[in-house]
Amino acid sequence: MKAEIITPDYKVFEAEIKSIRVPGKKGSFQVLKDHAPIISTLENGPVIIVDMTGKETVYEISGGVIEVRMNKIILLAESVK
């Protein structure tokens, strides 16, 4: 599945991934291949991405929104560290 992390200023990340874990408003949740469509607001916290080789990358976000649809993930973050 393809994932993008975008801020108002620039694109932070774009690649094929195995999974992503995000800090949702009602708790952290993970998205895997063939996940049901969802739109959710996000809290401040870590976004953990596992790439196709199994390598884990962590980004700290300051709130935002995630959309998952047809194995494509778009995460719009207020800011990323």
PDB file of N, CA and C in Angstrom:
ATOM      1  N   MET A   1       0.836  -1.165   0.000  1.00  0.00           N
ATOM      2  CA  MET A   1       0.000   0.000   0.000  1.00  0.00           C
ATOM      3  C   MET A   1       0.886   1.234   0.000  1.00  0.00           C
ATOM      4  N   LYS A   2       0.374   2.296  -0.535  1.00  0.00           N
ATOM      5  CA  LYS A   2       1.148   3.527  -0.681  1.00  0.00           C
ATOM      6  C   LYS A   2       0.764   4.509   0.420  1.00  0.00           C
ATOM      7  N   ALA A   3       1.769   5.178   0.982  1.00  0.00           N
ATOM      8  CA  ALA A   3       1.510   6.150   2.040  1.00  0.00           C
ATOM      9  C   ALA A   3       2.199   7.466   1.736  1.00  0.00           C
ATOM     10  N   GLU A   4       1.534   8.546   2.120  1.00  0.00           N
ATOM     11  CA  GLU A   4       2.095   9.894   2.019  1.00  0.00           C
ATOM     12  C   GLU A   4       1.869  10.606   3.342  1.00  0.00           C
ATOM     13  N   ILE A   5       2.897  11.330   3.799  1.00  0.00           N
ATOM     14  CA  ILE A   5       2.753  12.229   4.942  1.00  0.00           C
ATOM     15  C   ILE A   5       3.053  13.619   4.422  1.00  0.00           C
ATOM     16  N   ILE A   6       2.089  14.527   4.617  1.00  0.00           N
ATOM     17  CA  ILE A   6       2.182  15.874   4.058  1.00  0.00           C
ATOM     18  C   ILE A   6       1.908  16.890   5.166  1.00  0.00           C
ATOM     19  N   THR A   7       2.658  17.995   5.151  1.00  0.00           N
ATOM     20  CA  THR A   7       2.381  19.134   6.024  1.00  0.00           C
ATOM     21  C   THR A   7       1.926  20.282   5.127  1.00  0.00           C
ATOM     22  N   PRO A   8       1.499  21.392   5.703  1.00  0.00           N
ATOM     23  CA  PRO A   8       1.126  22.533   4.862  1.00  0.00           C
ATOM     24  C   PRO A   8       2.297  23.060   4.021  1.00  0.00           C
ATOM     25  N   ASP A   9       3.532  22.766   4.439  1.00  0.00           N
ATOM     26  CA  ASP A   9       4.704  23.309   3.756  1.00  0.00           C
ATOM     27  C   ASP A   9       5.388  22.358   2.778  1.00  0.00           C
ATOM     28  N   TYR A  10       5.347  21.047   3.043  1.00  0.00           N
ATOM     29  CA  TYR A  10       6.095  20.112   2.188  1.00  0.00           C
ATOM     30  C   TYR A  10       5.637  18.673   2.391  1.00  0.00           C
ATOM     31  N   LYS A  11       6.044  17.800   1.467  1.00  0.00           N
ATOM     32  CA  LYS A  11       5.786  16.371   1.568  1.00  0.00           C
ATOM     33  C   LYS A  11       6.932  15.754   2.358  1.00  0.00           C
ATOM     34  N   VAL A  12       6.611  15.091   3.457  1.00  0.00           N
ATOM     35  CA  VAL A  12       7.604  14.518   4.356  1.00  0.00           C
ATOM     36  C   VAL A  12       8.006  13.121   3.918  1.00  0.00           C
ATOM     37  N   PHE A  13       7.028  12.340   3.439  1.00  0.00           N
ATOM     38  CA  PHE A  13       7.263  10.922   3.168  1.00  0.00           C
ATOM     39  C   PHE A  13       6.332  10.461   2.064  1.00  0.00           C
ATOM     40  N   GLU A  14       6.842   9.572   1.206  1.00  0.00           N
ATOM     41  CA  GLU A  14       6.011   8.911   0.192  1.00  0.00           C
ATOM     42  C   GLU A  14       6.693   7.618  -0.209  1.00  0.00           C
ATOM     43  N   ALA A  15       6.003   6.490   0.003  1.00  0.00           N
ATOM     44  CA  ALA A  15       6.584   5.190  -0.351  1.00  0.00           C
ATOM     45  C   ALA A  15       5.542   4.088  -0.180  1.00  0.00           C
ATOM     46  N   GLU A  16       5.893   2.909  -0.676  1.00  0.00           N
ATOM     47  CA  GLU A  16       5.105   1.708  -0.432  1.00  0.00           C
ATOM     48  C   GLU A  16       5.469   1.205   0.960  1.00  0.00           C
ATOM     49  N   ILE A  17       4.459   0.831   1.748  1.00  0.00           N
ATOM     50  CA  ILE A  17       4.710   0.395   3.118  1.00  0.00           C
ATOM     51  C   ILE A  17       3.938  -0.884   3.438  1.00  0.00           C
ATOM     52  N   LYS A  18       4.339  -1.539   4.549  1.00  0.00           N
ATOM     53  CA  LYS A  18       3.600  -2.696   5.057  1.00  0.00           C
ATOM     54  C   LYS A  18       2.534  -2.277   6.051  1.00  0.00           C
ATOM     55  N   SER A  19       2.876  -1.293   6.922  1.00  0.00           N
ATOM     56  CA  SER A  19       1.912  -0.860   7.936  1.00  0.00           C
ATOM     57  C   SER A  19       2.250   0.536   8.435  1.00  0.00           C
ATOM     58  N   ILE A  20       1.248   1.141   9.081  1.00  0.00           N
ATOM     59  CA  ILE A  20       1.432   2.450   9.706  1.00  0.00           C
ATOM     60  C   ILE A  20       0.609   2.458  10.995  1.00  0.00           C
ATOM     61  N   ARG A  21       1.191   2.990  12.065  1.00  0.00           N
ATOM     62  CA  ARG A  21       0.481   3.163  13.342  1.00  0.00           C
ATOM     63  C   ARG A  21       0.425   4.653  13.629  1.00  0.00           C
ATOM     64  N   VAL A  22      -0.778   5.146  13.938  1.00  0.00           N
ATOM     65  CA  VAL A  22      -0.988   6.582  14.126  1.00  0.00           C
ATOM     66  C   VAL A  22      -1.691   6.863  15.452  1.00  0.00           C
ATOM     67  N   PRO A  23      -1.500   8.081  16.002  1.00  0.00           N
ATOM     68  CA  PRO A  23      -2.147   8.452  17.260  1.00  0.00           C
ATOM     69  C   PRO A  23      -3.541   9.049  17.031  1.00  0.00           C
ATOM     70  N   GLY A  24      -4.557   8.208  16.995  1.00  0.00           N
ATOM     71  CA  GLY A  24      -5.920   8.668  16.781  1.00  0.00           C
ATOM     72  C   GLY A  24      -6.470   9.386  18.003  1.00  0.00           C
ATOM     73  N   LYS A  25      -7.537  10.129  17.824  1.00  0.00           N
ATOM     74  CA  LYS A  25      -8.168  10.875  18.930  1.00  0.00           C
ATOM     75  C   LYS A  25      -8.638   9.948  20.051  1.00  0.00           C
ATOM     76  N   LYS A  26      -9.065   8.726  19.702  1.00  0.00           N
ATOM     77  CA  LYS A  26      -9.550   7.777  20.711  1.00  0.00           C
ATOM     78  C   LYS A  26      -8.543   6.658  20.954  1.00  0.00           C
ATOM     79  N   GLY A  27      -7.285   6.899  20.620  1.00  0.00           N
ATOM     80  CA  GLY A  27      -6.236   5.912  20.839  1.00  0.00           C
ATOM     81  C   GLY A  27      -5.500   5.575  19.562  1.00  0.00           C
ATOM     82  N   SER A  28      -4.341   5.018  19.742  1.00  0.00           N
ATOM     83  CA  SER A  28      -3.489   4.641  18.616  1.00  0.00           C
ATOM     84  C   SER A  28      -4.133   3.501  17.833  1.00  0.00           C
ATOM     85  N   PHE A  29      -3.972   3.520  16.495  1.00  0.00           N
ATOM     86  CA  PHE A  29      -4.448   2.403  15.689  1.00  0.00           C
ATOM     87  C   PHE A  29      -3.506   2.150  14.518  1.00  0.00           C
ATOM     88  N   GLN A  30      -3.568   0.924  14.009  1.00  0.00           N
ATOM     89  CA  GLN A  30      -2.683   0.490  12.926  1.00  0.00           C
ATOM     90  C   GLN A  30      -3.492   0.249  11.660  1.00  0.00           C
ATOM     91  N   VAL A  31      -2.878   0.565  10.525  1.00  0.00           N
ATOM     92  CA  VAL A  31      -3.490   0.319   9.227  1.00  0.00           C
ATOM     93  C   VAL A  31      -2.609  -0.673   8.478  1.00  0.00           C
ATOM     94  N   LEU A  32      -3.227  -1.750   8.012  1.00  0.00           N
ATOM     95  CA  LEU A  32      -2.554  -2.768   7.208  1.00  0.00           C
ATOM     96  C   LEU A  32      -3.214  -2.824   5.836  1.00  0.00           C
ATOM     97  N   LYS A  33      -2.619  -3.601   4.938  1.00  0.00           N
ATOM     98  CA  LYS A  33      -3.159  -3.759   3.584  1.00  0.00           C
ATOM     99  C   LYS A  33      -4.630  -4.189   3.639  1.00  0.00           C
ATOM    100  N   ASP A  34      -5.426  -3.639   2.729  1.00  0.00           N
ATOM    101  CA  ASP A  34      -6.853  -3.931   2.589  1.00  0.00           C
ATOM    102  C   ASP A  34      -7.688  -3.459   3.778  1.00  0.00           C
ATOM    103  N   HIS A  35      -7.211  -2.452   4.494  1.00  0.00           N
ATOM    104  CA  HIS A  35      -7.972  -1.852   5.599  1.00  0.00           C
ATOM    105  C   HIS A  35      -9.239  -1.205   5.044  1.00  0.00           C
ATOM    106  N   ALA A  36     -10.286  -1.230   5.812  1.00  0.00           N
ATOM    107  CA  ALA A  36     -11.537  -0.569   5.413  1.00  0.00           C
ATOM    108  C   ALA A  36     -11.303   0.933   5.278  1.00  0.00           C
ATOM    109  N   PRO A  37     -12.033   1.595   4.392  1.00  0.00           N
ATOM    110  CA  PRO A  37     -11.899   3.051   4.257  1.00  0.00           C
ATOM    111  C   PRO A  37     -12.182   3.753   5.587  1.00  0.00           C
ATOM    112  N   ILE A  38     -11.385   4.776   5.877  1.00  0.00           N
ATOM    113  CA  ILE A  38     -11.548   5.508   7.136  1.00  0.00           C
ATOM    114  C   ILE A  38     -10.983   6.913   6.978  1.00  0.00           C
ATOM    115  N   ILE A  39     -11.594   7.846   7.675  1.00  0.00           N
ATOM    116  CA  ILE A  39     -11.040   9.190   7.856  1.00  0.00           C
ATOM    117  C   ILE A  39     -11.062   9.434   9.351  1.00  0.00           C
ATOM    118  N   SER A  40      -9.922   9.865   9.913  1.00  0.00           N
ATOM    119  CA  SER A  40      -9.834  10.066  11.353  1.00  0.00           C
ATOM    120  C   SER A  40      -8.968  11.274  11.672  1.00  0.00           C
ATOM    121  N   THR A  41      -9.328  11.989  12.739  1.00  0.00           N
ATOM    122  CA  THR A  41      -8.468  13.060  13.225  1.00  0.00           C
ATOM    123  C   THR A  41      -7.381  12.436  14.100  1.00  0.00           C
ATOM    124  N   LEU A  42      -6.239  13.127  14.173  1.00  0.00           N
ATOM    125  CA  LEU A  42      -5.085  12.604  14.895  1.00  0.00           C
ATOM    126  C   LEU A  42      -4.652  13.547  16.005  1.00  0.00           C
ATOM    127  N   GLU A  43      -4.095  12.974  17.044  1.00  0.00           N
ATOM    128  CA  GLU A  43      -3.517  13.704  18.167  1.00  0.00           C
ATOM    129  C   GLU A  43      -2.031  13.917  17.925  1.00  0.00           C
ATOM    130  N   ASN A  44      -1.389  14.668  18.806  1.00  0.00           N
ATOM    131  CA  ASN A  44       0.067  14.758  18.808  1.00  0.00           C
ATOM    132  C   ASN A  44       0.622  13.397  19.201  1.00  0.00           C
ATOM    133  N   GLY A  45       1.696  12.973  18.545  1.00  0.00           N
ATOM    134  CA  GLY A  45       2.308  11.701  18.914  1.00  0.00           C
ATOM    135  C   GLY A  45       3.069  11.078  17.770  1.00  0.00           C
ATOM    136  N   PRO A  46       3.530   9.840  17.989  1.00  0.00           N
ATOM    137  CA  PRO A  46       4.349   9.170  16.984  1.00  0.00           C
ATOM    138  C   PRO A  46       3.531   8.514  15.874  1.00  0.00           C
ATOM    139  N   VAL A  47       4.068   8.606  14.665  1.00  0.00           N
ATOM    140  CA  VAL A  47       3.572   7.848  13.518  1.00  0.00           C
ATOM    141  C   VAL A  47       4.663   6.845  13.208  1.00  0.00           C
ATOM    142  N   ILE A  48       4.336   5.560  13.299  1.00  0.00           N
ATOM    143  CA  ILE A  48       5.325   4.502  13.105  1.00  0.00           C
ATOM    144  C   ILE A  48       5.028   3.804  11.786  1.00  0.00           C
ATOM    145  N   ILE A  49       6.003   3.860  10.871  1.00  0.00           N
ATOM    146  CA  ILE A  49       5.853   3.268   9.543  1.00  0.00           C
ATOM    147  C   ILE A  49       6.796   2.076   9.423  1.00  0.00           C
ATOM    148  N   VAL A  50       6.262   0.965   8.916  1.00  0.00           N
ATOM    149  CA  VAL A  50       7.095  -0.198   8.606  1.00  0.00           C
ATOM    150  C   VAL A  50       7.130  -0.313   7.094  1.00  0.00           C
ATOM    151  N   ASP A  51       8.348  -0.183   6.521  1.00  0.00           N
ATOM    152  CA  ASP A  51       8.467  -0.221   5.058  1.00  0.00           C
ATOM    153  C   ASP A  51       8.469  -1.664   4.555  1.00  0.00           C
ATOM    154  N   MET A  52       8.596  -1.836   3.265  1.00  0.00           N
ATOM    155  CA  MET A  52       8.497  -3.153   2.644  1.00  0.00           C
ATOM    156  C   MET A  52       9.633  -4.097   3.050  1.00  0.00           C
ATOM    157  N   THR A  53      10.736  -3.555   3.558  1.00  0.00           N
ATOM    158  CA  THR A  53      11.848  -4.398   4.011  1.00  0.00           C
ATOM    159  C   THR A  53      11.738  -4.729   5.501  1.00  0.00           C
ATOM    160  N   GLY A  54      10.745  -4.139   6.187  1.00  0.00           N
ATOM    161  CA  GLY A  54      10.573  -4.370   7.613  1.00  0.00           C
ATOM    162  C   GLY A  54      11.217  -3.302   8.483  1.00  0.00           C
ATOM    163  N   LYS A  55      11.860  -2.306   7.861  1.00  0.00           N
ATOM    164  CA  LYS A  55      12.497  -1.222   8.615  1.00  0.00           C
ATOM    165  C   LYS A  55      11.421  -0.288   9.169  1.00  0.00           C
ATOM    166  N   GLU A  56      11.597   0.092  10.443  1.00  0.00           N
ATOM    167  CA  GLU A  56      10.645   0.967  11.126  1.00  0.00           C
ATOM    168  C   GLU A  56      11.176   2.400  11.151  1.00  0.00           C
ATOM    169  N   THR A  57      10.320   3.362  10.801  1.00  0.00           N
ATOM    170  CA  THR A  57      10.656   4.784  10.853  1.00  0.00           C
ATOM    171  C   THR A  57       9.586   5.485  11.684  1.00  0.00           C
ATOM    172  N   VAL A  58      10.018   6.396  12.553  1.00  0.00           N
ATOM    173  CA  VAL A  58       9.088   7.104  13.431  1.00  0.00           C
ATOM    174  C   VAL A  58       9.143   8.601  13.137  1.00  0.00           C
ATOM    175  N   TYR A  59       7.964   9.204  12.967  1.00  0.00           N
ATOM    176  CA  TYR A  59       7.815  10.651  12.824  1.00  0.00           C
ATOM    177  C   TYR A  59       6.932  11.130  13.966  1.00  0.00           C
ATOM    178  N   GLU A  60       7.279  12.248  14.586  1.00  0.00           N
ATOM    179  CA  GLU A  60       6.433  12.864  15.609  1.00  0.00           C
ATOM    180  C   GLU A  60       5.575  13.924  14.922  1.00  0.00           C
ATOM    181  N   ILE A  61       4.251  13.789  15.053  1.00  0.00           N
ATOM    182  CA  ILE A  61       3.356  14.764  14.426  1.00  0.00           C
ATOM    183  C   ILE A  61       2.657  15.611  15.480  1.00  0.00           C
ATOM    184  N   SER A  62       2.230  16.780  15.056  1.00  0.00           N
ATOM    185  CA  SER A  62       1.418  17.669  15.893  1.00  0.00           C
ATOM    186  C   SER A  62       0.028  17.717  15.293  1.00  0.00           C
ATOM    187  N   GLY A  63      -0.777  16.727  15.591  1.00  0.00           N
ATOM    188  CA  GLY A  63      -2.149  16.680  15.112  1.00  0.00           C
ATOM    189  C   GLY A  63      -2.264  16.529  13.611  1.00  0.00           C
ATOM    190  N   GLY A  64      -3.486  16.271  13.150  1.00  0.00           N
ATOM    191  CA  GLY A  64      -3.716  16.147  11.722  1.00  0.00           C
ATOM    192  C   GLY A  64      -4.912  15.269  11.416  1.00  0.00           C
ATOM    193  N   VAL A  65      -4.938  14.776  10.180  1.00  0.00           N
ATOM    194  CA  VAL A  65      -6.030  13.942   9.677  1.00  0.00           C
ATOM    195  C   VAL A  65      -5.426  12.837   8.821  1.00  0.00           C
ATOM    196  N   ILE A  66      -6.012  11.638   8.892  1.00  0.00           N
ATOM    197  CA  ILE A  66      -5.587  10.539   8.032  1.00  0.00           C
ATOM    198  C   ILE A  66      -6.782  10.047   7.228  1.00  0.00           C
ATOM    199  N   GLU A  67      -6.522   9.740   5.957  1.00  0.00           N
ATOM    200  CA  GLU A  67      -7.533   9.122   5.099  1.00  0.00           C
ATOM    201  C   GLU A  67      -6.951   7.830   4.558  1.00  0.00           C
ATOM    202  N   VAL A  68      -7.716   6.744   4.663  1.00  0.00           N
ATOM    203  CA  VAL A  68      -7.316   5.445   4.118  1.00  0.00           C
ATOM    204  C   VAL A  68      -8.397   5.036   3.137  1.00  0.00           C
ATOM    205  N   ARG A  69      -7.973   4.747   1.903  1.00  0.00           N
ATOM    206  CA  ARG A  69      -8.936   4.347   0.877  1.00  0.00           C
ATOM    207  C   ARG A  69      -8.225   3.563  -0.198  1.00  0.00           C
ATOM    208  N   MET A  70      -8.702   2.345  -0.460  1.00  0.00           N
ATOM    209  CA  MET A  70      -8.180   1.505  -1.547  1.00  0.00           C
ATOM    210  C   MET A  70      -6.651   1.367  -1.482  1.00  0.00           C
ATOM    211  N   ASN A  71      -6.141   1.002  -0.310  1.00  0.00           N
ATOM    212  CA  ASN A  71      -4.708   0.785  -0.080  1.00  0.00           C
ATOM    213  C   ASN A  71      -3.854   2.021  -0.343  1.00  0.00           C
ATOM    214  N   LYS A  72      -4.439   3.200  -0.177  1.00  0.00           N
ATOM    215  CA  LYS A  72      -3.692   4.449  -0.245  1.00  0.00           C
ATOM    216  C   LYS A  72      -3.963   5.227   1.031  1.00  0.00           C
ATOM    217  N   ILE A  73      -2.887   5.688   1.656  1.00  0.00           N
ATOM    218  CA  ILE A  73      -2.974   6.416   2.917  1.00  0.00           C
ATOM    219  C   ILE A  73      -2.435   7.818   2.697  1.00  0.00           C
ATOM    220  N   ILE A  74      -3.239   8.806   3.069  1.00  0.00           N
ATOM    221  CA  ILE A  74      -2.777  10.194   3.047  1.00  0.00           C
ATOM    222  C   ILE A  74      -2.913  10.728   4.465  1.00  0.00           C
ATOM    223  N   LEU A  75      -1.804  11.156   5.031  1.00  0.00           N
ATOM    224  CA  LEU A  75      -1.784  11.729   6.367  1.00  0.00           C
ATOM    225  C   LEU A  75      -1.404  13.192   6.238  1.00  0.00           C
ATOM    226  N   LEU A  76      -2.325  14.066   6.616  1.00  0.00           N
ATOM    227  CA  LEU A  76      -2.087  15.501   6.598  1.00  0.00           C
ATOM    228  C   LEU A  76      -1.784  15.934   8.023  1.00  0.00           C
ATOM    229  N   ALA A  77      -0.544  16.320   8.300  1.00  0.00           N
ATOM    230  CA  ALA A  77      -0.122  16.687   9.645  1.00  0.00           C
ATOM    231  C   ALA A  77       0.072  18.186   9.749  1.00  0.00           C
ATOM    232  N   GLU A  78      -0.249  18.750  10.920  1.00  0.00           N
ATOM    233  CA  GLU A  78      -0.014  20.163  11.141  1.00  0.00           C
ATOM    234  C   GLU A  78       1.492  20.461  11.085  1.00  0.00           C
ATOM    235  N   SER A  79       2.289  19.593  11.723  1.00  0.00           N
ATOM    236  CA  SER A  79       3.741  19.680  11.621  1.00  0.00           C
ATOM    237  C   SER A  79       4.346  18.324  11.926  1.00  0.00           C
ATOM    238  N   VAL A  80       5.577  18.110  11.464  1.00  0.00           N
ATOM    239  CA  VAL A  80       6.282  16.834  11.647  1.00  0.00           C
ATOM    240  C   VAL A  80       7.694  17.123  12.123  1.00  0.00           C
ATOM    241  N   LYS A  81       8.139  16.356  13.116  1.00  0.00           N
ATOM    242  CA  LYS A  81       9.522  16.462  13.605  1.00  0.00           C
ATOM    243  C   LYS A  81      10.303  15.256  13.173  1.00  0.00           C
TER     244      LYS A  81
END
